[in-house]
Amino acid sequence: MATKRSHATMEGKPTTLTSSNTASSPYMPQFEHFRAELDSHHERRERCIKASRDITAASKKIIFTLQRVRTLGEPLERKIAAGNEPYYAIIAAQLKAVCGDLQGLNAHRYARNISGGCQEYIEAATFEHYVATGKLLSYAEAAEQMRVLALEEAEMKGDTRHPGVELTPEDYVLGVYDMTGELMRFAITAMATNGKLPVPDVEDAQRSILTDMRALRSALEGLEPGHGPFAKDAEKKMQVMRESVEKVERALYGLVVRGAERPAGWMPDTSDNTRAVEVET
C-alpha cells in the first residue's frame, strides 16, 4: 500500500525539515564545511581582484610621473621620486593585504585575479629602471623588488614572518611587452621637445632608445609562448609592441630626413592609421 501524503504536500505547499531531522543528518556537517570553503574562496578572490585594480591605478600614476622626465641613464630628480612614493606605498599595502591569500597552491589558483596588477607594476618598475639606468630590469631583480616592497610594509606593522608575493615569469614578460609602449611615448616626446632621439649611454654612440627597443623586440619575438592564456595575451601584446617600434622609426625618419624643413612647433608624425600618441610637454 502506498504511503499516504500529507495535506500540505497535496496542496503544493513547501515542507521543511524538523530540527531533529536536521541535527540527525550525517551530511549536514559536510555541507556546512563546503559552504565555509566556498565563502572563503570568494572572499580571497574578491580581495585579489580589488588589490589588482588598486595596484594597476597606482602603477599608472607612477608611469605618468615618469613621462615628465627628459633624460635617460641619470638618477631621477628628487621631485619625481618623491612624487611617486605615495603610489609605491599604495602598492606595498595592497601586496601586503593579499599576501596571505597567495601562498602555496593558492598562488596558482588566484594567479589570474592578481595578474593585471602585477603586469602593470612591472611595466612601471621596468620603465623607471630604464629611465634611471638605461638598462632593463631583470626578472630576478623585479621579483625581489616586489617581494621586498610587501615585506617593508609588513615589517612596519610588526609582521616579521611575512612571506611576500611571488612574481610569475609570465606576468614579468607581459609587463615588459607593455613597457615598450611607454618607451615609444618617451622617445617621441623627447624628439618633439629636444629635437633628438634619447640616448641612454652617452659613451656608446651606437646605442639609443630605438636600438634598445629593437633589441627588446628581437628578444621577445624569439620567445615561444606555447598555448593557453599566456600565449593569447602575448600574441596581442606582440602586435602592439611592433607598432610602438615602428612609430619611433617613422618619427626618427621625419626628424632626420625632414628636420631641416620643419616649421616652428613641428611634432613627429605618428598617424598612419594608428592610435594617436599623446605628447606631454
C-alpha atoms as a PDB file:
ATOM      1  CA  MET A   1       0.000   0.000   0.000  1.00  0.00           C
ATOM      2  CA  ALA A   2       1.282   3.465  -0.906  1.00  0.00           C
ATOM      3  CA  THR A   3       2.214   5.906   1.827  1.00  0.00           C
ATOM      4  CA  LYS A   4      -0.447   8.494   2.498  1.00  0.00           C
ATOM      5  CA  ARG A   5       0.694  12.015   1.631  1.00  0.00           C
ATOM      6  CA  SER A   6       0.108  14.908   3.955  1.00  0.00           C
ATOM      7  CA  HIS A   7      -2.435  17.630   3.243  1.00  0.00           C
ATOM      8  CA  ALA A   8       0.338  20.271   2.816  1.00  0.00           C
ATOM      9  CA  THR A   9       2.156  18.159   0.266  1.00  0.00           C
ATOM     10  CA  MET A  10      -1.016  17.544  -1.756  1.00  0.00           C
ATOM     11  CA  GLU A  11      -1.666  21.311  -1.936  1.00  0.00           C
ATOM     12  CA  GLY A  12       1.891  22.009  -3.152  1.00  0.00           C
ATOM     13  CA  LYS A  13       2.961  23.851  -0.038  1.00  0.00           C
ATOM     14  CA  PRO A  14       6.701  23.723   0.851  1.00  0.00           C
ATOM     15  CA  THR A  15       7.673  21.463   3.674  1.00  0.00           C
ATOM     16  CA  THR A  16      10.643  21.937   5.996  1.00  0.00           C
ATOM     17  CA  LEU A  17      12.798  19.512   7.894  1.00  0.00           C
ATOM     18  CA  THR A  18      12.361  19.486  11.615  1.00  0.00           C
ATOM     19  CA  SER A  19      15.262  20.433  13.819  1.00  0.00           C
ATOM     20  CA  SER A  20      15.605  16.842  14.916  1.00  0.00           C
ATOM     21  CA  ASN A  21      15.899  15.623  11.320  1.00  0.00           C
ATOM     22  CA  THR A  22      18.497  18.299  10.523  1.00  0.00           C
ATOM     23  CA  ALA A  23      20.560  17.540  13.576  1.00  0.00           C
ATOM     24  CA  SER A  24      20.481  13.825  12.930  1.00  0.00           C
ATOM     25  CA  SER A  25      21.556  14.090   9.264  1.00  0.00           C
ATOM     26  CA  PRO A  26      25.152  12.859   8.832  1.00  0.00           C
ATOM     27  CA  TYR A  27      25.615  15.039   5.724  1.00  0.00           C
ATOM     28  CA  MET A  28      24.900  18.468   7.227  1.00  0.00           C
ATOM     29  CA  PRO A  29      28.394  18.981   8.729  1.00  0.00           C
ATOM     30  CA  GLN A  30      29.931  18.195   5.340  1.00  0.00           C
ATOM     31  CA  PHE A  31      27.739  20.694   3.507  1.00  0.00           C
ATOM     32  CA  GLU A  32      28.427  23.342   6.146  1.00  0.00           C
ATOM     33  CA  HIS A  33      32.148  22.727   5.623  1.00  0.00           C
ATOM     34  CA  PHE A  34      31.742  23.075   1.841  1.00  0.00           C
ATOM     35  CA  ARG A  35      29.804  26.309   2.316  1.00  0.00           C
ATOM     36  CA  ALA A  36      32.550  27.738   4.534  1.00  0.00           C
ATOM     37  CA  GLU A  37      35.194  26.797   1.960  1.00  0.00           C
ATOM     38  CA  LEU A  38      33.255  28.456  -0.881  1.00  0.00           C
ATOM     39  CA  ASP A  39      32.700  31.608   1.172  1.00  0.00           C
ATOM     40  CA  SER A  40      36.408  31.742   1.969  1.00  0.00           C
ATOM     41  CA  HIS A  41      37.286  31.195  -1.705  1.00  0.00           C
ATOM     42  CA  HIS A  42      35.064  34.042  -2.899  1.00  0.00           C
ATOM     43  CA  GLU A  43      36.418  36.384  -0.228  1.00  0.00           C
ATOM     44  CA  ARG A  44      40.033  35.663  -1.252  1.00  0.00           C
ATOM     45  CA  ARG A  45      39.163  36.068  -4.918  1.00  0.00           C
ATOM     46  CA  GLU A  46      37.479  39.446  -4.328  1.00  0.00           C
ATOM     47  CA  ARG A  47      40.427  40.685  -2.263  1.00  0.00           C
ATOM     48  CA  CYS A  48      42.848  39.755  -5.041  1.00  0.00           C
ATOM     49  CA  ILE A  49      40.709  41.451  -7.701  1.00  0.00           C
ATOM     50  CA  LYS A  50      40.408  44.635  -5.646  1.00  0.00           C
ATOM     51  CA  ALA A  51      44.136  44.658  -4.891  1.00  0.00           C
ATOM     52  CA  SER A  52      44.922  44.156  -8.575  1.00  0.00           C
ATOM     53  CA  ARG A  53      42.789  47.170  -9.528  1.00  0.00           C
ATOM     54  CA  ASP A  54      44.378  49.393  -6.882  1.00  0.00           C
ATOM     55  CA  ILE A  55      47.902  48.299  -7.883  1.00  0.00           C
ATOM     56  CA  THR A  56      47.063  48.998 -11.528  1.00  0.00           C
ATOM     57  CA  ALA A  57      45.798  52.504 -10.743  1.00  0.00           C
ATOM     58  CA  ALA A  58      48.859  53.378  -8.626  1.00  0.00           C
ATOM     59  CA  SER A  59      51.265  51.965 -11.231  1.00  0.00           C
ATOM     60  CA  LYS A  60      49.686  54.063 -13.980  1.00  0.00           C
ATOM     61  CA  LYS A  61      50.224  57.188 -11.901  1.00  0.00           C
ATOM     62  CA  ILE A  62      53.891  56.255 -11.452  1.00  0.00           C
ATOM     63  CA  ILE A  63      54.211  55.935 -15.230  1.00  0.00           C
ATOM     64  CA  PHE A  64      52.543  59.310 -15.825  1.00  0.00           C
ATOM     65  CA  THR A  65      55.024  60.927 -13.446  1.00  0.00           C
ATOM     66  CA  LEU A  66      57.991  59.264 -15.171  1.00  0.00           C
ATOM     67  CA  GLN A  67      56.868  60.560 -18.564  1.00  0.00           C
ATOM     68  CA  ARG A  68      57.817  64.047 -17.370  1.00  0.00           C
ATOM     69  CA  VAL A  69      61.494  63.040 -17.297  1.00  0.00           C
ATOM     70  CA  ARG A  70      63.543  64.213 -20.282  1.00  0.00           C
ATOM     71  CA  THR A  71      66.849  62.382 -19.826  1.00  0.00           C
ATOM     72  CA  LEU A  72      67.961  58.751 -19.820  1.00  0.00           C
ATOM     73  CA  GLY A  73      70.560  56.969 -17.713  1.00  0.00           C
ATOM     74  CA  GLU A  74      70.512  59.532 -14.908  1.00  0.00           C
ATOM     75  CA  PRO A  75      69.100  59.242 -11.371  1.00  0.00           C
ATOM     76  CA  LEU A  76      65.574  60.569 -11.037  1.00  0.00           C
ATOM     77  CA  GLU A  77      65.099  64.072  -9.748  1.00  0.00           C
ATOM     78  CA  ARG A  78      64.105  64.247  -6.105  1.00  0.00           C
ATOM     79  CA  LYS A  79      60.796  65.843  -7.073  1.00  0.00           C
ATOM     80  CA  ILE A  80      59.914  62.933  -9.375  1.00  0.00           C
ATOM     81  CA  ALA A  81      60.989  60.263  -6.878  1.00  0.00           C
ATOM     82  CA  ALA A  82      59.123  61.933  -4.013  1.00  0.00           C
ATOM     83  CA  GLY A  83      56.013  62.261  -6.147  1.00  0.00           C
ATOM     84  CA  ASN A  84      55.919  58.510  -6.689  1.00  0.00           C
ATOM     85  CA  GLU A  85      56.467  57.498  -3.069  1.00  0.00           C
ATOM     86  CA  PRO A  86      52.747  57.606  -2.137  1.00  0.00           C
ATOM     87  CA  TYR A  87      51.897  55.351  -5.079  1.00  0.00           C
ATOM     88  CA  TYR A  88      54.543  52.821  -4.098  1.00  0.00           C
ATOM     89  CA  ALA A  89      53.078  52.899  -0.584  1.00  0.00           C
ATOM     90  CA  ILE A  90      49.667  52.015  -2.018  1.00  0.00           C
ATOM     91  CA  ILE A  91      51.152  49.138  -3.999  1.00  0.00           C
ATOM     92  CA  ALA A  92      53.019  47.847  -0.941  1.00  0.00           C
ATOM     93  CA  ALA A  93      49.865  47.984   1.195  1.00  0.00           C
ATOM     94  CA  GLN A  94      47.837  46.074  -1.400  1.00  0.00           C
ATOM     95  CA  LEU A  95      50.523  43.409  -1.818  1.00  0.00           C
ATOM     96  CA  LYS A  96      50.655  43.020   1.953  1.00  0.00           C
ATOM     97  CA  ALA A  97      46.850  42.718   2.127  1.00  0.00           C
ATOM     98  CA  VAL A  98      46.679  39.757  -0.275  1.00  0.00           C
ATOM     99  CA  CYS A  99      49.976  38.074   0.529  1.00  0.00           C
ATOM    100  CA  GLY A 100      48.350  35.529   2.810  1.00  0.00           C
ATOM    101  CA  ASP A 101      45.865  34.663   0.065  1.00  0.00           C
ATOM    102  CA  LEU A 102      48.611  33.908  -2.480  1.00  0.00           C
ATOM    103  CA  GLN A 103      50.647  31.246  -0.730  1.00  0.00           C
ATOM    104  CA  GLY A 104      51.089  27.601  -1.720  1.00  0.00           C
ATOM    105  CA  LEU A 105      48.541  26.293  -4.210  1.00  0.00           C
ATOM    106  CA  ASN A 106      46.534  29.493  -3.882  1.00  0.00           C
ATOM    107  CA  ALA A 107      49.326  31.346  -5.675  1.00  0.00           C
ATOM    108  CA  HIS A 108      48.286  29.471  -8.827  1.00  0.00           C
ATOM    109  CA  ARG A 109      44.577  29.380  -8.014  1.00  0.00           C
ATOM    110  CA  TYR A 110      44.297  33.170  -7.903  1.00  0.00           C
ATOM    111  CA  ALA A 111      47.091  33.994 -10.342  1.00  0.00           C
ATOM    112  CA  ARG A 112      44.696  35.354 -12.974  1.00  0.00           C
ATOM    113  CA  ASN A 113      42.955  37.558 -10.402  1.00  0.00           C
ATOM    114  CA  ILE A 114      46.153  39.377  -9.398  1.00  0.00           C
ATOM    115  CA  SER A 115      47.878  39.151 -12.790  1.00  0.00           C
ATOM    116  CA  GLY A 116      46.681  42.516 -14.145  1.00  0.00           C
ATOM    117  CA  GLY A 117      48.095  44.422 -11.196  1.00  0.00           C
ATOM    118  CA  CYS A 118      51.416  42.559 -11.332  1.00  0.00           C
ATOM    119  CA  GLN A 119      51.805  43.292 -15.046  1.00  0.00           C
ATOM    120  CA  GLU A 120      51.083  46.982 -14.563  1.00  0.00           C
ATOM    121  CA  TYR A 121      53.549  47.161 -11.687  1.00  0.00           C
ATOM    122  CA  ILE A 122      56.250  45.517 -13.812  1.00  0.00           C
ATOM    123  CA  GLU A 123      55.524  48.000 -16.588  1.00  0.00           C
ATOM    124  CA  ALA A 124      56.087  50.878 -14.148  1.00  0.00           C
ATOM    125  CA  ALA A 125      59.116  49.302 -12.436  1.00  0.00           C
ATOM    126  CA  THR A 126      60.941  48.369 -15.647  1.00  0.00           C
ATOM    127  CA  PHE A 127      60.195  51.773 -17.178  1.00  0.00           C
ATOM    128  CA  GLU A 128      61.549  53.592 -14.121  1.00  0.00           C
ATOM    129  CA  HIS A 129      64.646  51.389 -14.035  1.00  0.00           C
ATOM    130  CA  TYR A 130      65.349  52.031 -17.720  1.00  0.00           C
ATOM    131  CA  VAL A 131      64.868  55.785 -17.382  1.00  0.00           C
ATOM    132  CA  ALA A 132      67.213  55.937 -14.384  1.00  0.00           C
ATOM    133  CA  THR A 133      69.888  53.464 -15.521  1.00  0.00           C
ATOM    134  CA  GLY A 134      69.416  52.852 -19.244  1.00  0.00           C
ATOM    135  CA  LYS A 135      69.084  49.106 -18.566  1.00  0.00           C
ATOM    136  CA  LEU A 136      66.297  46.554 -18.445  1.00  0.00           C
ATOM    137  CA  LEU A 137      65.220  45.363 -15.017  1.00  0.00           C
ATOM    138  CA  SER A 138      65.747  41.578 -14.933  1.00  0.00           C
ATOM    139  CA  TYR A 139      63.139  39.077 -13.770  1.00  0.00           C
ATOM    140  CA  ALA A 140      65.132  38.217 -10.645  1.00  0.00           C
ATOM    141  CA  GLU A 141      65.504  41.893  -9.750  1.00  0.00           C
ATOM    142  CA  ALA A 142      61.819  42.603 -10.392  1.00  0.00           C
ATOM    143  CA  ALA A 143      60.679  39.600  -8.326  1.00  0.00           C
ATOM    144  CA  GLU A 144      62.909  40.624  -5.416  1.00  0.00           C
ATOM    145  CA  GLN A 145      61.783  44.237  -5.691  1.00  0.00           C
ATOM    146  CA  MET A 146      58.115  43.255  -5.472  1.00  0.00           C
ATOM    147  CA  ARG A 147      58.755  40.849  -2.606  1.00  0.00           C
ATOM    148  CA  VAL A 148      60.713  43.435  -0.621  1.00  0.00           C
ATOM    149  CA  LEU A 149      58.053  46.060  -1.277  1.00  0.00           C
ATOM    150  CA  ALA A 150      55.454  43.925   0.511  1.00  0.00           C
ATOM    151  CA  LEU A 151      57.926  42.910   3.218  1.00  0.00           C
ATOM    152  CA  GLU A 152      58.709  46.508   4.136  1.00  0.00           C
ATOM    153  CA  GLU A 153      55.016  47.234   4.547  1.00  0.00           C
ATOM    154  CA  ALA A 154      54.615  44.135   6.716  1.00  0.00           C
ATOM    155  CA  GLU A 155      57.609  44.959   8.914  1.00  0.00           C
ATOM    156  CA  MET A 156      56.240  48.438   9.508  1.00  0.00           C
ATOM    157  CA  LYS A 157      53.186  46.739  11.014  1.00  0.00           C
ATOM    158  CA  GLY A 158      55.237  44.307  13.081  1.00  0.00           C
ATOM    159  CA  ASP A 159      54.772  41.231  10.873  1.00  0.00           C
ATOM    160  CA  THR A 160      58.298  39.822  10.650  1.00  0.00           C
ATOM    161  CA  ARG A 161      57.207  36.468   9.154  1.00  0.00           C
ATOM    162  CA  HIS A 162      55.676  37.937   6.022  1.00  0.00           C
ATOM    163  CA  PRO A 163      56.498  35.690   3.007  1.00  0.00           C
ATOM    164  CA  GLY A 164      55.971  38.303   0.291  1.00  0.00           C
ATOM    165  CA  VAL A 165      54.214  37.900  -3.067  1.00  0.00           C
ATOM    166  CA  GLU A 166      55.663  35.774  -5.846  1.00  0.00           C
ATOM    167  CA  LEU A 167      56.036  37.286  -9.314  1.00  0.00           C
ATOM    168  CA  THR A 168      55.396  34.811 -12.125  1.00  0.00           C
ATOM    169  CA  PRO A 169      57.635  34.821 -15.229  1.00  0.00           C
ATOM    170  CA  GLU A 170      54.514  35.254 -17.377  1.00  0.00           C
ATOM    171  CA  ASP A 171      53.497  38.472 -15.628  1.00  0.00           C
ATOM    172  CA  TYR A 172      57.041  39.790 -15.932  1.00  0.00           C
ATOM    173  CA  VAL A 173      57.187  39.150 -19.690  1.00  0.00           C
ATOM    174  CA  LEU A 174      53.742  40.639 -20.317  1.00  0.00           C
ATOM    175  CA  GLY A 175      54.694  43.701 -18.283  1.00  0.00           C
ATOM    176  CA  VAL A 176      57.844  44.166 -20.381  1.00  0.00           C
ATOM    177  CA  TYR A 177      55.705  43.985 -23.531  1.00  0.00           C
ATOM    178  CA  ASP A 178      53.637  46.898 -22.194  1.00  0.00           C
ATOM    179  CA  MET A 179      56.748  48.828 -21.182  1.00  0.00           C
ATOM    180  CA  THR A 180      57.749  49.206 -24.837  1.00  0.00           C
ATOM    181  CA  GLY A 181      54.702  51.417 -25.314  1.00  0.00           C
ATOM    182  CA  GLU A 182      55.982  53.753 -22.617  1.00  0.00           C
ATOM    183  CA  LEU A 183      59.400  53.822 -24.284  1.00  0.00           C
ATOM    184  CA  MET A 184      57.696  54.847 -27.512  1.00  0.00           C
ATOM    185  CA  ARG A 185      55.865  57.729 -25.813  1.00  0.00           C
ATOM    186  CA  PHE A 186      59.041  58.781 -24.038  1.00  0.00           C
ATOM    187  CA  ALA A 187      61.052  58.768 -27.282  1.00  0.00           C
ATOM    188  CA  ILE A 188      58.502  60.729 -29.310  1.00  0.00           C
ATOM    189  CA  THR A 189      58.014  63.295 -26.537  1.00  0.00           C
ATOM    190  CA  ALA A 190      61.789  63.775 -26.297  1.00  0.00           C
ATOM    191  CA  MET A 191      62.112  64.225 -30.071  1.00  0.00           C
ATOM    192  CA  ALA A 192      59.282  66.745 -30.049  1.00  0.00           C
ATOM    193  CA  THR A 193      60.774  68.795 -27.206  1.00  0.00           C
ATOM    194  CA  ASN A 194      64.555  68.340 -27.634  1.00  0.00           C
ATOM    195  CA  GLY A 195      64.790  67.657 -31.356  1.00  0.00           C
ATOM    196  CA  LYS A 196      66.806  64.459 -30.916  1.00  0.00           C
ATOM    197  CA  LEU A 197      66.436  60.801 -30.032  1.00  0.00           C
ATOM    198  CA  PRO A 198      67.158  59.979 -26.362  1.00  0.00           C
ATOM    199  CA  VAL A 199      70.444  58.141 -25.719  1.00  0.00           C
ATOM    200  CA  PRO A 200      70.760  56.008 -22.556  1.00  0.00           C
ATOM    201  CA  ASP A 201      74.572  55.887 -22.634  1.00  0.00           C
ATOM    202  CA  VAL A 202      76.427  58.919 -23.965  1.00  0.00           C
ATOM    203  CA  GLU A 203      79.696  56.944 -24.129  1.00  0.00           C
ATOM    204  CA  ASP A 204      78.172  54.378 -26.511  1.00  0.00           C
ATOM    205  CA  ALA A 205      77.430  56.135 -29.800  1.00  0.00           C
ATOM    206  CA  GLN A 206      75.755  53.015 -31.193  1.00  0.00           C
ATOM    207  CA  ARG A 207      73.027  52.936 -28.560  1.00  0.00           C
ATOM    208  CA  SER A 208      69.766  54.858 -28.486  1.00  0.00           C
ATOM    209  CA  ILE A 209      66.308  54.227 -27.165  1.00  0.00           C
ATOM    210  CA  LEU A 210      65.371  52.970 -30.634  1.00  0.00           C
ATOM    211  CA  THR A 211      68.207  50.419 -30.795  1.00  0.00           C
ATOM    212  CA  ASP A 212      67.215  49.201 -27.336  1.00  0.00           C
ATOM    213  CA  MET A 213      63.597  48.861 -28.434  1.00  0.00           C
ATOM    214  CA  ARG A 214      64.685  46.896 -31.495  1.00  0.00           C
ATOM    215  CA  ALA A 215      66.834  44.598 -29.357  1.00  0.00           C
ATOM    216  CA  LEU A 216      63.932  44.084 -26.984  1.00  0.00           C
ATOM    217  CA  ARG A 217      61.612  43.342 -29.902  1.00  0.00           C
ATOM    218  CA  SER A 218      64.032  40.722 -31.245  1.00  0.00           C
ATOM    219  CA  ALA A 219      64.325  39.062 -27.844  1.00  0.00           C
ATOM    220  CA  LEU A 220      60.556  38.940 -27.287  1.00  0.00           C
ATOM    221  CA  GLU A 221      59.910  37.671 -30.801  1.00  0.00           C
ATOM    222  CA  GLY A 222      62.270  34.799 -30.057  1.00  0.00           C
ATOM    223  CA  LEU A 223      60.092  33.566 -27.191  1.00  0.00           C
ATOM    224  CA  GLU A 224      57.885  30.528 -27.696  1.00  0.00           C
ATOM    225  CA  PRO A 225      54.701  31.280 -25.703  1.00  0.00           C
ATOM    226  CA  GLY A 226      53.201  27.839 -26.253  1.00  0.00           C
ATOM    227  CA  HIS A 227      49.464  27.550 -25.641  1.00  0.00           C
ATOM    228  CA  GLY A 228      46.924  28.800 -23.150  1.00  0.00           C
ATOM    229  CA  PRO A 229      46.046  32.238 -21.735  1.00  0.00           C
ATOM    230  CA  PHE A 230      49.662  33.434 -21.732  1.00  0.00           C
ATOM    231  CA  ALA A 231      50.047  32.673 -25.446  1.00  0.00           C
ATOM    232  CA  LYS A 232      46.891  34.650 -26.275  1.00  0.00           C
ATOM    233  CA  ASP A 233      47.979  37.648 -24.203  1.00  0.00           C
ATOM    234  CA  ALA A 234      51.498  37.545 -25.647  1.00  0.00           C
ATOM    235  CA  GLU A 235      50.188  37.464 -29.217  1.00  0.00           C
ATOM    236  CA  LYS A 236      48.089  40.591 -28.661  1.00  0.00           C
ATOM    237  CA  LYS A 237      50.871  42.480 -26.920  1.00  0.00           C
ATOM    238  CA  MET A 238      53.400  41.419 -29.556  1.00  0.00           C
ATOM    239  CA  GLN A 239      51.498  43.295 -32.256  1.00  0.00           C
ATOM    240  CA  VAL A 240      51.237  46.430 -30.110  1.00  0.00           C
ATOM    241  CA  MET A 241      54.968  46.244 -29.335  1.00  0.00           C
ATOM    242  CA  ARG A 242      55.847  46.057 -33.040  1.00  0.00           C
ATOM    243  CA  GLU A 243      53.656  49.072 -33.745  1.00  0.00           C
ATOM    244  CA  SER A 244      55.415  51.008 -30.967  1.00  0.00           C
ATOM    245  CA  VAL A 245      58.831  50.353 -32.506  1.00  0.00           C
ATOM    246  CA  GLU A 246      57.550  51.335 -35.947  1.00  0.00           C
ATOM    247  CA  LYS A 247      56.155  54.611 -34.605  1.00  0.00           C
ATOM    248  CA  VAL A 248      59.557  55.583 -33.209  1.00  0.00           C
ATOM    249  CA  GLU A 249      61.198  54.619 -36.512  1.00  0.00           C
ATOM    250  CA  ARG A 250      58.786  56.807 -38.502  1.00  0.00           C
ATOM    251  CA  ALA A 251      59.218  59.682 -36.070  1.00  0.00           C
ATOM    252  CA  LEU A 252      63.005  59.459 -36.308  1.00  0.00           C
ATOM    253  CA  TYR A 253      62.811  59.311 -40.101  1.00  0.00           C
ATOM    254  CA  GLY A 254      60.781  62.510 -40.095  1.00  0.00           C
ATOM    255  CA  LEU A 255      63.233  64.127 -37.701  1.00  0.00           C
ATOM    256  CA  VAL A 256      66.361  63.244 -39.703  1.00  0.00           C
ATOM    257  CA  VAL A 257      65.140  63.457 -43.288  1.00  0.00           C
ATOM    258  CA  ARG A 258      62.684  66.319 -42.956  1.00  0.00           C
ATOM    259  CA  GLY A 259      64.239  68.001 -39.940  1.00  0.00           C
ATOM    260  CA  ALA A 260      65.782  70.890 -41.861  1.00  0.00           C
ATOM    261  CA  GLU A 261      62.399  71.781 -43.347  1.00  0.00           C
ATOM    262  CA  ARG A 262      60.287  71.500 -40.246  1.00  0.00           C
ATOM    263  CA  PRO A 263      58.359  74.632 -39.195  1.00  0.00           C
ATOM    264  CA  ALA A 264      58.191  76.029 -35.702  1.00  0.00           C
ATOM    265  CA  GLY A 265      56.139  73.784 -33.421  1.00  0.00           C
ATOM    266  CA  TRP A 266      56.672  70.712 -35.612  1.00  0.00           C
ATOM    267  CA  MET A 267      55.996  67.344 -33.993  1.00  0.00           C
ATOM    268  CA  PRO A 268      56.767  63.838 -35.290  1.00  0.00           C
ATOM    269  CA  ASP A 269      54.030  62.305 -37.428  1.00  0.00           C
ATOM    270  CA  THR A 270      52.678  59.110 -35.900  1.00  0.00           C
ATOM    271  CA  SER A 271      49.300  58.880 -37.631  1.00  0.00           C
ATOM    272  CA  ASP A 272      49.413  56.273 -40.422  1.00  0.00           C
ATOM    273  CA  ASN A 273      46.031  54.874 -39.360  1.00  0.00           C
ATOM    274  CA  THR A 274      47.317  54.036 -35.865  1.00  0.00           C
ATOM    275  CA  ARG A 275      46.230  55.278 -32.476  1.00  0.00           C
ATOM    276  CA  ALA A 276      47.378  58.838 -31.798  1.00  0.00           C
ATOM    277  CA  VAL A 277      50.259  59.339 -29.415  1.00  0.00           C
ATOM    278  CA  GLU A 278      49.843  61.813 -26.585  1.00  0.00           C
ATOM    279  CA  VAL A 279      52.855  64.065 -26.302  1.00  0.00           C
ATOM    280  CA  GLU A 280      53.328  65.781 -22.977  1.00  0.00           C
ATOM    281  CA  THR A 281      55.378  68.962 -22.947  1.00  0.00           C
END
